[in-house]
Protein backbone atom coordinates (compact mmCIF):
# COMPACT_ATOMS: atom_id res chain seq x y z
CA UNK A 1 -300.73 -53.41 31.82
CA UNK A 2 -299.94 -51.94 35.29
CA UNK A 3 -300.13 -55.46 36.70
CA UNK A 4 -297.71 -56.89 34.08
CA UNK A 5 -294.18 -57.61 35.08
CA UNK A 6 -293.07 -57.09 31.50
CA UNK A 7 -294.54 -56.05 28.17
CA UNK A 8 -292.98 -57.11 24.83
CA UNK A 9 -293.34 -55.38 21.50
CA UNK A 10 -291.82 -56.57 18.24
CA UNK A 11 -290.64 -53.18 17.06
CA UNK A 12 -289.32 -49.95 18.42
CA UNK A 13 -292.15 -48.19 16.65
CA UNK A 14 -294.69 -50.31 18.52
CA UNK A 15 -292.90 -49.57 21.80
CA UNK A 16 -293.02 -45.87 21.12
CA UNK A 17 -296.72 -46.05 20.31
CA UNK A 18 -297.41 -48.03 23.40
CA UNK A 19 -295.64 -45.52 25.60
CA UNK A 20 -297.33 -42.55 24.03
CA UNK A 21 -300.80 -44.10 23.89
CA UNK A 22 -301.02 -45.94 27.28
CA UNK A 23 -299.89 -45.47 30.87
CA UNK A 24 -297.04 -48.01 30.81
CA UNK A 25 -293.82 -48.05 32.73
CA UNK A 26 -291.16 -47.71 30.09
CA UNK A 27 -288.79 -49.89 32.18
CA UNK A 28 -291.23 -52.81 31.76
CA UNK A 29 -291.28 -52.60 27.93
CA UNK A 30 -288.86 -54.82 25.95
CA UNK A 31 -288.49 -54.91 22.26
CA UNK A 32 -287.97 -58.40 20.98
CA UNK A 33 -288.28 -58.96 17.17
CA UNK A 34 -290.63 -61.56 15.63
CA UNK A 35 -287.89 -63.84 14.53
CA UNK A 36 -287.01 -65.73 11.40
CA UNK A 37 -285.78 -69.15 10.33
CA UNK A 38 -282.27 -69.50 9.11
CA UNK A 39 -282.35 -70.43 5.41
CA UNK A 40 -278.68 -69.63 4.81
CA UNK A 41 -277.83 -73.05 3.51
CA UNK A 42 -281.01 -73.63 1.49
CA UNK A 43 -280.58 -73.43 -2.30
CA UNK A 44 -283.18 -71.41 -4.17
CA UNK A 45 -284.29 -72.58 -7.53
CA UNK A 46 -283.02 -70.24 -10.24
CA UNK A 47 -285.82 -68.30 -11.97
CA UNK A 48 -285.76 -67.07 -15.57
CA UNK A 49 -286.90 -63.71 -14.41
CA UNK A 50 -286.26 -61.68 -11.08
CA UNK A 51 -289.29 -62.22 -8.80
CA UNK A 52 -290.39 -59.87 -5.98
CA UNK A 53 -292.98 -61.11 -3.53
CA UNK A 54 -295.27 -59.61 -0.88
CA UNK A 55 -297.05 -62.28 1.20
CA UNK A 56 -299.19 -62.69 4.28
CA UNK A 57 -302.13 -60.84 5.66
CA UNK A 58 -302.14 -57.57 3.81
CA UNK A 59 -302.51 -54.25 5.63
CA UNK A 60 -300.78 -51.05 6.39
CA UNK A 61 -297.05 -51.35 6.41
CA UNK A 62 -296.67 -53.70 3.42
CA UNK A 63 -295.98 -50.85 1.00
CA UNK A 64 -297.57 -52.56 -2.00
CA UNK A 65 -298.33 -49.32 -3.87
CA UNK A 66 -294.63 -48.31 -3.38
CA UNK A 67 -293.39 -51.61 -4.65
CA UNK A 68 -295.55 -51.21 -7.76
CA UNK A 69 -294.02 -47.76 -8.35
CA UNK A 70 -290.55 -49.20 -7.87
CA UNK A 71 -291.24 -51.98 -10.35
CA UNK A 72 -292.54 -49.41 -12.86
CA UNK A 73 -289.17 -47.57 -12.54
CA UNK A 74 -287.42 -50.72 -13.44
CA UNK A 75 -288.88 -51.03 -16.94
CA UNK A 76 -285.36 -50.98 -18.43
CA UNK A 77 -284.16 -53.96 -16.25
CA UNK A 78 -283.71 -57.21 -18.29
CA UNK A 79 -285.13 -59.70 -17.86
CA UNK A 80 -288.29 -57.86 -16.73
CA UNK A 81 -289.16 -58.11 -13.05
CA UNK A 82 -292.18 -60.01 -11.81
CA UNK A 83 -293.99 -58.79 -8.72
CA UNK A 84 -296.55 -61.07 -6.94
CA UNK A 85 -298.79 -60.03 -4.08
CA UNK A 86 -300.04 -63.16 -2.24
CA UNK A 87 -302.47 -63.06 0.55
CA UNK A 88 -305.71 -61.55 1.82
CA UNK A 89 -306.39 -58.16 3.46
CA UNK A 90 -306.15 -58.55 7.14
CA UNK A 91 -309.73 -58.92 8.50
CA UNK A 92 -309.39 -55.95 10.94
CA UNK A 93 -308.00 -53.72 8.10
CA UNK A 94 -310.98 -54.80 5.81
CA UNK A 95 -313.49 -54.04 8.70
CA UNK A 96 -312.06 -50.56 9.24
CA UNK A 97 -310.80 -49.48 5.83
CA UNK A 98 -312.19 -51.89 3.18
CA UNK A 99 -309.50 -52.98 0.71
CA UNK A 100 -307.44 -49.76 0.90
CA UNK A 101 -303.93 -50.40 2.02
CA UNK A 102 -301.95 -47.32 3.24
CA UNK A 103 -298.18 -47.17 2.73
CA UNK A 104 -295.67 -47.15 5.53
CA UNK A 105 -291.94 -47.94 5.78
CA UNK A 106 -290.85 -51.41 4.72
CA UNK A 107 -287.93 -53.69 4.16
CA UNK A 108 -286.89 -54.91 0.63
CA UNK A 109 -285.62 -58.45 1.21
CA UNK A 110 -283.37 -60.87 -0.48
CA UNK A 111 -282.66 -64.52 0.36
CA UNK A 112 -280.52 -63.17 3.30
CA UNK A 113 -280.72 -59.64 4.64
CA UNK A 114 -282.86 -56.82 3.49
CA UNK A 115 -282.60 -53.16 2.72
CA UNK A 116 -284.71 -50.78 4.82
CA UNK A 117 -286.12 -48.14 2.52
CA UNK A 118 -287.62 -44.84 3.68
CA UNK A 119 -291.37 -44.25 3.96
CA UNK A 120 -292.87 -43.48 0.62
CA UNK A 121 -289.67 -44.19 -1.26
CA UNK A 122 -290.40 -46.14 -4.48
CA UNK A 123 -287.24 -48.26 -3.64
CA UNK A 124 -286.29 -48.71 -7.32
CA UNK A 125 -282.57 -48.17 -6.41
CA UNK A 126 -282.72 -50.69 -3.51
CA UNK A 127 -284.53 -53.34 -5.68
CA UNK A 128 -282.01 -52.82 -8.56
CA UNK A 129 -279.20 -53.29 -6.07
CA UNK A 130 -280.69 -56.53 -4.88
CA UNK A 131 -281.29 -57.79 -8.33
CA UNK A 132 -277.77 -57.03 -9.60
CA UNK A 133 -275.85 -57.94 -6.50
CA UNK A 134 -277.75 -60.23 -4.19
CA UNK A 135 -274.50 -61.94 -3.10
CA UNK A 136 -273.04 -58.72 -1.80
CA UNK A 137 -275.98 -58.21 0.54
CA UNK A 138 -275.96 -61.82 1.68
CA UNK A 139 -272.31 -61.79 2.45
CA UNK A 140 -272.58 -58.62 4.56
CA UNK A 141 -275.39 -60.17 6.73
CA UNK A 142 -273.30 -63.07 7.85
CA UNK A 143 -270.68 -60.83 9.45
CA UNK A 144 -273.38 -59.53 11.92
CA UNK A 145 -274.88 -61.35 14.94
CA UNK A 146 -278.01 -63.25 13.80
CA UNK A 147 -280.30 -61.26 16.23
CA UNK A 148 -283.41 -61.99 14.17
CA UNK A 149 -282.98 -65.69 13.98
CA UNK A 150 -285.22 -67.93 16.19
CA UNK A 151 -282.53 -69.13 18.62
CA UNK A 152 -281.49 -65.49 19.41
CA UNK A 153 -285.19 -64.41 19.72
CA UNK A 154 -285.89 -67.41 21.98
CA UNK A 155 -282.93 -66.61 24.10
CA UNK A 156 -284.17 -63.01 24.64
CA UNK A 157 -287.62 -64.29 25.79
CA UNK A 158 -285.81 -66.80 28.06
CA UNK A 159 -283.61 -64.01 29.56
CA UNK A 160 -286.74 -61.91 30.13
CA UNK A 161 -288.65 -64.85 31.78
CA UNK A 162 -285.61 -65.56 34.01
CA UNK A 163 -285.50 -61.88 35.03
CA UNK A 164 -289.11 -62.01 36.02
CA UNK A 165 -288.70 -65.27 37.93
CA UNK A 166 -285.83 -63.82 39.78
CA UNK A 167 -287.86 -60.77 40.78
CA UNK A 168 -290.54 -63.17 42.13
CA UNK A 169 -293.10 -62.48 39.34
CA UNK A 170 -295.24 -65.25 37.96
CA UNK A 171 -294.38 -65.91 34.38
CA UNK A 172 -297.10 -66.37 31.88
CA UNK A 173 -297.83 -64.93 28.44
CA UNK A 174 -300.86 -63.05 27.15
CA UNK A 175 -301.08 -61.99 23.56
CA UNK A 176 -302.83 -58.59 23.11
CA UNK A 177 -304.33 -58.00 19.71
CA UNK A 178 -304.84 -54.47 18.39
């Protein structure tokens, strides 16, 4: 990494771990989020029951066990909440830990913004808020800059590439896998 003109992480936590675990110049490290598509105008089909979803490659950080505890605390909610876990255990997680998925901090999402819930918090209150007032959360997100949307994320990468070009660094990308 010493030869790199810049290093990008997707989260502040990843940046902190990188700086603690490796000899990296902090001035070279930028945090640029993963990015998301804008579905603000898309209409979701109404469901007869509230439906929570965890999807993708499953591994540490998904907080599945905490979501299960939260759903259990919502037994009084009507209609009853459905929780679906869709995906496979990430191959590297399965190789190291089998099917065990440790809990970490996670975001409880709606069609728009999400609620960040603390590590090991069953999040029942956050889920109940989303289920009873999803519009209130969605409205609040549109008053903020859309920093996580693809155009904003692409612009940050473009700015970083231009900074490197201006400094005379060759611009290329290498993806490091943990």
